Protein backbone atom coordinates (compact mmCIF):
# COMPACT_ATOMS: atom_id res chain seq x y z
CA MET A 1 -28.75 -102.82 22.07
CA ASP A 2 -32.50 -102.22 22.13
CA ILE A 3 -34.18 -99.36 23.86
CA GLU A 4 -35.29 -101.37 26.86
CA THR A 5 -31.71 -102.43 27.76
CA LEU A 6 -30.58 -98.86 27.43
CA ILE A 7 -33.32 -97.61 29.82
CA VAL A 8 -32.57 -100.37 32.37
CA SER A 9 -28.82 -99.47 32.30
CA LEU A 10 -29.58 -95.83 32.77
CA ILE A 11 -31.87 -96.54 35.68
CA GLU A 12 -29.29 -98.82 37.29
CA SER A 13 -26.56 -96.28 36.96
CA SER A 14 -28.78 -93.53 38.29
CA LEU A 15 -29.84 -95.69 41.16
CA VAL A 16 -26.23 -96.37 42.08
CA PHE A 17 -25.49 -92.74 41.89
CA LEU A 18 -28.51 -91.84 44.10
CA LEU A 19 -27.43 -94.50 46.58
CA LEU A 20 -23.93 -93.16 46.68
CA ALA A 21 -25.21 -89.64 47.14
CA ALA A 22 -27.60 -90.68 49.94
CA LEU A 23 -24.79 -92.63 51.65
CA PHE A 24 -22.53 -89.54 51.37
CA ILE A 25 -25.15 -87.31 52.85
CA VAL A 26 -25.73 -89.78 55.66
CA LEU A 27 -21.99 -89.92 56.35
CA ILE A 28 -21.86 -86.18 56.49
CA VAL A 29 -24.74 -85.95 58.88
CA LYS A 30 -23.26 -88.63 61.12
CA ALA A 31 -19.72 -87.18 61.04
CA VAL A 32 -20.62 -83.53 61.69
CA LYS A 33 -21.75 -82.63 65.24
CA ILE A 34 -22.76 -79.12 66.06
CA VAL A 35 -22.56 -78.58 69.77
CA PRO A 36 -24.51 -75.65 71.38
CA GLN A 37 -22.55 -73.14 73.44
CA SER A 38 -24.28 -74.31 76.66
CA GLU A 39 -23.46 -78.04 76.29
CA LYS A 40 -20.75 -80.60 75.88
CA TYR A 41 -21.02 -83.98 74.19
CA VAL A 42 -19.33 -87.11 75.52
CA ILE A 43 -18.32 -89.40 72.65
CA GLU A 44 -17.93 -93.15 73.07
CA ARG A 45 -16.29 -95.54 70.69
CA PHE A 46 -17.40 -99.14 71.15
CA GLY A 47 -18.54 -98.31 74.62
CA ARG A 48 -15.35 -96.52 75.80
CA LEU A 49 -14.78 -92.84 76.25
CA ARG A 50 -13.35 -91.33 73.08
CA SER A 51 -13.47 -87.61 73.64
CA VAL A 52 -15.56 -84.62 74.81
CA LEU A 53 -16.80 -82.21 72.13
CA GLY A 54 -16.97 -78.49 72.95
CA PRO A 55 -19.25 -75.87 71.48
CA GLY A 56 -19.12 -75.42 67.75
CA ILE A 57 -18.64 -77.80 64.72
CA ASN A 58 -16.98 -81.09 65.52
CA LEU A 59 -16.14 -84.23 63.42
CA ILE A 60 -16.49 -87.85 64.50
CA VAL A 61 -16.17 -91.19 62.82
CA PRO A 62 -19.67 -92.22 61.57
CA PHE A 63 -21.16 -95.45 62.82
CA ILE A 64 -18.13 -95.96 65.03
CA ASP A 65 -18.29 -92.98 67.35
CA ARG A 66 -21.52 -92.05 69.02
CA VAL A 67 -22.79 -89.22 71.26
CA ALA A 68 -23.28 -91.00 74.61
CA HIS A 69 -24.23 -88.05 76.83
CA GLU A 70 -25.23 -84.45 76.13
CA ILE A 71 -24.26 -82.47 79.29
CA SER A 72 -25.44 -78.98 80.05
CA ILE A 73 -22.68 -76.83 81.44
CA LEU A 74 -25.08 -74.13 82.68
CA GLU A 75 -25.07 -73.24 86.32
CA ARG A 76 -27.62 -75.28 88.22
CA GLN A 77 -29.44 -74.77 91.59
CA LEU A 78 -30.28 -77.65 93.83
CA PRO A 79 -33.73 -77.55 95.44
CA ASN A 80 -33.67 -75.85 98.80
CA ALA A 81 -32.94 -78.47 101.49
CA SER A 82 -33.61 -78.39 105.21
CA GLN A 83 -31.73 -80.43 107.74
CA ASP A 84 -31.49 -80.59 111.54
CA ALA A 85 -28.19 -79.81 113.33
CA ILE A 86 -27.12 -79.52 116.95
CA THR A 87 -24.84 -76.70 117.93
CA LYS A 88 -21.92 -76.91 120.28
CA ASP A 89 -24.05 -75.61 123.15
CA ASN A 90 -26.65 -78.39 122.49
CA VAL A 91 -29.32 -76.31 120.69
CA LEU A 92 -31.31 -78.02 117.98
CA VAL A 93 -31.59 -75.83 114.85
CA GLN A 94 -33.11 -76.36 111.46
CA VAL A 95 -30.84 -75.07 108.64
CA GLU A 96 -32.23 -74.34 105.18
CA THR A 97 -29.53 -74.43 102.50
CA SER A 98 -29.20 -73.89 98.76
CA VAL A 99 -26.28 -74.86 96.50
CA PHE A 100 -25.37 -73.65 93.02
CA TYR A 101 -23.00 -75.62 90.82
CA ARG A 102 -21.99 -76.36 87.25
CA ILE A 103 -20.31 -79.32 85.48
CA THR A 104 -16.88 -78.49 84.22
CA GLU A 105 -15.55 -82.01 83.31
CA PRO A 106 -18.47 -84.06 81.92
CA GLU A 107 -16.26 -87.16 81.47
CA ARG A 108 -15.98 -87.33 85.31
CA THR A 109 -19.51 -86.59 86.08
CA VAL A 110 -21.06 -89.24 83.81
CA TYR A 111 -18.58 -92.00 84.75
CA ARG A 112 -18.05 -91.45 88.47
CA ILE A 113 -21.48 -90.58 89.91
CA ARG A 114 -24.94 -91.62 88.99
CA ASP A 115 -27.19 -88.98 90.63
CA VAL A 116 -25.26 -85.77 90.92
CA ASP A 117 -28.00 -83.70 92.61
CA ALA A 118 -28.63 -86.29 95.30
CA ALA A 119 -24.92 -86.78 95.94
CA ILE A 120 -24.30 -83.04 96.35
CA ALA A 121 -27.36 -82.62 98.60
CA THR A 122 -26.20 -85.42 100.87
CA THR A 123 -22.64 -84.02 100.97
CA VAL A 124 -23.91 -80.55 101.90
CA ALA A 125 -26.18 -81.85 104.64
CA GLY A 126 -23.27 -83.74 106.28
CA ILE A 127 -20.90 -80.83 106.08
CA VAL A 128 -23.50 -78.41 107.46
CA ARG A 129 -24.11 -80.60 110.51
CA ALA A 130 -20.49 -81.06 111.08
CA GLU A 131 -19.65 -77.34 110.91
CA ILE A 132 -22.59 -76.22 113.00
CA GLY A 133 -21.69 -78.74 115.65
CA LYS A 134 -18.39 -76.89 116.12
CA MET A 135 -20.09 -73.58 116.86
CA ASP A 136 -22.25 -72.09 119.59
CA LEU A 137 -25.72 -70.80 118.61
CA ASP A 138 -24.63 -67.13 118.90
CA ASP A 139 -21.67 -67.79 116.56
CA VAL A 140 -23.95 -69.43 114.01
CA GLN A 141 -26.20 -66.33 114.04
CA ALA A 142 -23.37 -63.87 114.03
CA ASN A 143 -20.79 -65.56 111.71
CA ARG A 144 -23.16 -66.76 108.94
CA ALA A 145 -20.92 -65.37 106.19
CA GLN A 146 -17.93 -67.23 107.57
CA LEU A 147 -19.96 -70.40 107.97
CA ILE A 148 -21.09 -70.19 104.31
CA THR A 149 -17.50 -69.80 103.10
CA THR A 150 -16.39 -72.79 105.16
CA ILE A 151 -19.24 -74.91 103.90
CA LYS A 152 -18.53 -73.97 100.27
CA ALA A 153 -14.84 -74.85 100.58
CA SER A 154 -15.66 -78.20 102.16
CA VAL A 155 -18.20 -79.03 99.50
CA GLU A 156 -15.76 -78.13 96.73
CA ASP A 157 -13.13 -80.44 98.22
CA ALA A 158 -15.72 -83.26 98.44
CA VAL A 159 -17.02 -83.03 94.88
CA ASP A 160 -13.68 -82.39 93.22
CA ASP A 161 -13.52 -85.94 91.78
CA TRP A 162 -16.90 -85.57 90.16
CA GLY A 163 -15.83 -82.76 87.71
CA ILE A 164 -18.13 -80.26 89.43
CA GLU A 165 -17.53 -76.64 90.43
CA VAL A 166 -19.55 -75.24 93.34
CA THR A 167 -20.17 -71.69 92.49
CA ARG A 168 -22.19 -70.67 95.50
CA ALA A 169 -23.50 -72.09 98.81
CA GLU A 170 -26.13 -70.17 100.81
CA ILE A 171 -27.66 -70.63 104.21
CA LEU A 172 -31.11 -69.19 103.76
CA ASP A 173 -32.46 -69.53 107.22
CA VAL A 174 -31.71 -70.86 110.69
CA ASN A 175 -34.86 -71.86 112.54
CA LEU A 176 -35.19 -72.66 116.26
CA ASP A 177 -37.84 -74.51 118.16
CA GLN A 178 -40.48 -72.50 120.14
CA ALA A 179 -38.88 -73.15 123.61
CA THR A 180 -35.50 -71.89 122.45
CA ARG A 181 -37.12 -68.84 120.87
CA ASP A 182 -38.96 -68.05 124.16
CA ALA A 183 -35.74 -68.44 126.11
CA MET A 184 -33.87 -66.19 123.70
CA LEU A 185 -36.67 -63.54 123.92
CA GLN A 186 -36.46 -63.59 127.77
CA GLN A 187 -32.68 -63.20 127.48
CA LEU A 188 -33.08 -60.30 125.11
CA ASN A 189 -35.56 -58.51 127.34
CA ALA A 190 -33.22 -58.95 130.38
CA GLU A 191 -30.41 -57.55 128.36
CA ARG A 192 -32.44 -54.55 127.32
CA ALA A 193 -33.48 -53.92 130.96
CA ARG A 194 -29.81 -54.17 131.99
CA ARG A 195 -28.74 -51.70 129.41
CA ALA A 196 -31.52 -49.33 130.45
CA GLU A 197 -30.39 -49.42 134.05
CA VAL A 198 -26.73 -48.94 133.02
CA THR A 199 -27.75 -45.94 130.96
CA LYS A 200 -29.74 -44.47 133.84
CA ALA A 201 -26.89 -44.96 136.25
CA GLU A 202 -24.42 -43.44 133.82
CA GLY A 203 -26.83 -40.39 133.39
CA ALA A 204 -27.00 -39.94 137.14
CA LYS A 205 -23.29 -40.21 137.48
CA ARG A 206 -22.80 -37.65 134.73
CA ALA A 207 -25.30 -35.29 136.40
CA VAL A 208 -23.32 -35.54 139.62
CA GLU A 209 -20.10 -34.85 137.81
CA LEU A 210 -21.60 -31.83 136.07
CA ALA A 211 -22.94 -30.45 139.33
CA ALA A 212 -19.56 -30.92 141.00
CA ASP A 213 -17.84 -29.26 138.04
CA ALA A 214 -20.30 -26.38 138.32
CA GLU A 215 -19.73 -25.97 142.07
CA LEU A 216 -16.01 -26.11 141.53
CA TYR A 217 -16.27 -23.51 138.84
CA ALA A 218 -18.35 -21.28 141.13
CA SER A 219 -15.84 -21.70 143.95
CA GLU A 220 -12.98 -20.75 141.62
CA GLN A 221 -14.79 -17.66 140.48
CA THR A 222 -15.62 -16.62 144.04
CA ALA A 223 -11.97 -17.14 144.97
CA LYS A 224 -10.92 -15.08 141.99
CA ALA A 225 -13.32 -12.31 143.03
CA ARG A 226 -11.99 -12.40 146.65
CA ARG A 227 -8.42 -12.26 145.41
CA ILE A 228 -9.31 -9.23 143.24
CA LEU A 229 -11.01 -7.49 146.21
CA ALA A 230 -8.10 -8.28 148.43
CA ASP A 231 -5.66 -6.94 145.88
CA ALA A 232 -7.82 -3.84 145.67
CA GLU A 233 -7.86 -3.45 149.40
CA ALA A 234 -4.13 -3.95 149.54
CA TYR A 235 -3.64 -1.34 146.87
CA ALA A 236 -5.92 1.10 148.73
CA THR A 237 -4.11 0.46 151.96
CA GLN A 238 -0.80 0.98 150.19
CA VAL A 239 -2.06 4.27 148.83
CA VAL A 240 -3.32 5.41 152.20
CA ALA A 241 -0.02 4.38 153.82
CA GLN A 242 1.88 6.31 151.23
CA ALA A 243 -0.34 9.40 151.73
CA ILE A 244 0.19 9.12 155.57
CA ASN A 245 3.85 8.72 154.97
CA GLU A 246 3.98 11.81 152.77
CA ASN A 247 1.39 14.06 154.50
CA GLY A 248 1.66 12.77 158.14
CA LEU A 249 -1.22 12.68 160.62
CA GLU A 250 -3.39 15.04 158.69
CA ALA A 251 -3.92 12.51 155.93
CA ALA A 252 -4.87 9.87 158.45
CA GLN A 253 -7.38 12.07 160.15
CA TYR A 254 -8.86 12.99 156.83
CA GLN A 255 -9.34 9.26 155.87
CA ILE A 256 -10.97 8.54 159.25
CA ALA A 257 -13.32 11.54 158.99
CA LEU A 258 -14.21 10.49 155.41
CA LYS A 259 -15.13 6.95 156.50
CA GLN A 260 -17.33 8.32 159.29
CA VAL A 261 -19.17 10.56 156.90
CA GLU A 262 -19.78 7.61 154.47
CA SER A 263 -21.04 5.44 157.37
CA LEU A 264 -23.54 8.19 158.47
CA ASN A 265 -24.76 8.65 154.82
CA ALA A 266 -25.39 4.88 154.56
CA LEU A 267 -27.25 4.85 157.86
CA GLY A 268 -29.41 7.79 156.94
CA GLY A 269 -30.23 6.36 153.50
CA GLY A 270 -32.14 3.37 154.99
CA GLU A 271 -35.85 2.81 154.50
CA GLY A 272 -38.43 4.08 157.02
CA LYS A 273 -38.13 6.69 159.72
CA GLN A 274 -34.93 6.45 161.62
CA THR A 275 -33.53 8.42 164.49
CA ILE A 276 -29.85 9.00 164.29
CA VAL A 277 -27.88 9.89 167.32
CA VAL A 278 -24.76 11.61 166.33
CA PRO A 279 -22.06 11.75 168.97
CA THR A 280 -20.13 14.93 169.46
CA GLN A 281 -16.99 13.29 168.25
CA ALA A 282 -18.76 12.72 164.88
CA ILE A 283 -19.62 16.49 164.68
CA ASP A 284 -16.02 17.30 165.44
CA ALA A 285 -15.06 14.75 162.79
CA PHE A 286 -17.33 16.48 160.32
CA GLY A 287 -15.71 19.73 161.06
CA ASP A 288 -12.24 18.41 160.78
CA ALA A 289 -13.13 16.79 157.47
CA PHE A 290 -14.63 20.00 156.12
CA LYS A 291 -11.56 21.87 157.26
CA MET A 292 -9.31 19.37 155.58
CA LEU A 293 -11.42 19.51 152.38
CA LYS A 294 -11.45 23.28 152.50
CA GLY A 295 -7.71 23.20 152.99
CA ARG A 296 -7.24 20.88 150.06
CA GLY A 297 -9.58 23.05 147.95
CA THR A 298 -7.35 26.14 148.70
C-alpha cells in the first residue's frame, strides 16, 4: 500500500467520522427543546397534535415532531373597547371596557379559534349590551362592581372552550349623551333644592320643639316655686295656729300688730315724699305690739 492510498483511506474515515459527529449534533439540537418559563410549545407529528411542552428541557423525536406553535402564557390585555348600549329605562350609554386574560390550554386555543383577541372583544361587547339592558341607568352607575363581576363570569363561561382564563374585566367609563347629562343635572339641582327645604323645615321644627321644651321647663320651675311658697305659707300658718292654740288671743293680736308694723315700714320706705295717714287703730296696734314685745322680753 502506497502512501497515497493510506492518505485517502484516512481522509475517508475522518470524513465519515465528521459526518457522523455532525449528524449526532444535529439530532441533539433537533431533539432537545428548551422552553422559556413564560411560554408553552405545541408539538405536531405529521400535522397532528402530539403534545404540549412546558417550561424547561424537553425531548422530541427529531425530523418527525416539530414545534408548530409557540404560545405565550403571560397575562394579556385587550385594547380598550367602546360600545353603545341601551339601559332598561331607554337611555343610550357608551361603555368603555377592558379585559385581561391568559392562555391556559394552548392546544385548545390554537385549534379552536383563529383570532383570540377579536373573539373575546366581540363576546365582551355582546355580554355588556345584554347585561346593561337589564338595568336602569341609576343601577348601572351605582352597582358597577356587581356589573363587572357579572360580565367577568359570563365571559369566562363563553370562552371556556378556547382554553382561556379571564383574569379581570373592567368597566372604565360610562358616558352619556349631552341631553341626558343636562337632564340629570337638572334632576340633581332639584334634589339639592328639595334637601335644602327639608333641612330648613326640620330646623324650624326643631326650634319650635326647643322653645316649647323651654316654656314647659319654665312652667315646671314656676310651679315648683309656687309649691314651695305654698308649703312655706302652710308651715307658717301651722306655726301661727299652734301658737294661737298654745297662747290664746294674745298671740293672734301680736301677729296682727306685727303685720301692721311691717306694712307701714314698707309704705314709708317708698321713693319720694309721701304723706302717711296713720289711723288711731294703728297707733293702738303699735302700742299693743310694743306691750307684747316688752312682755316677751321680760
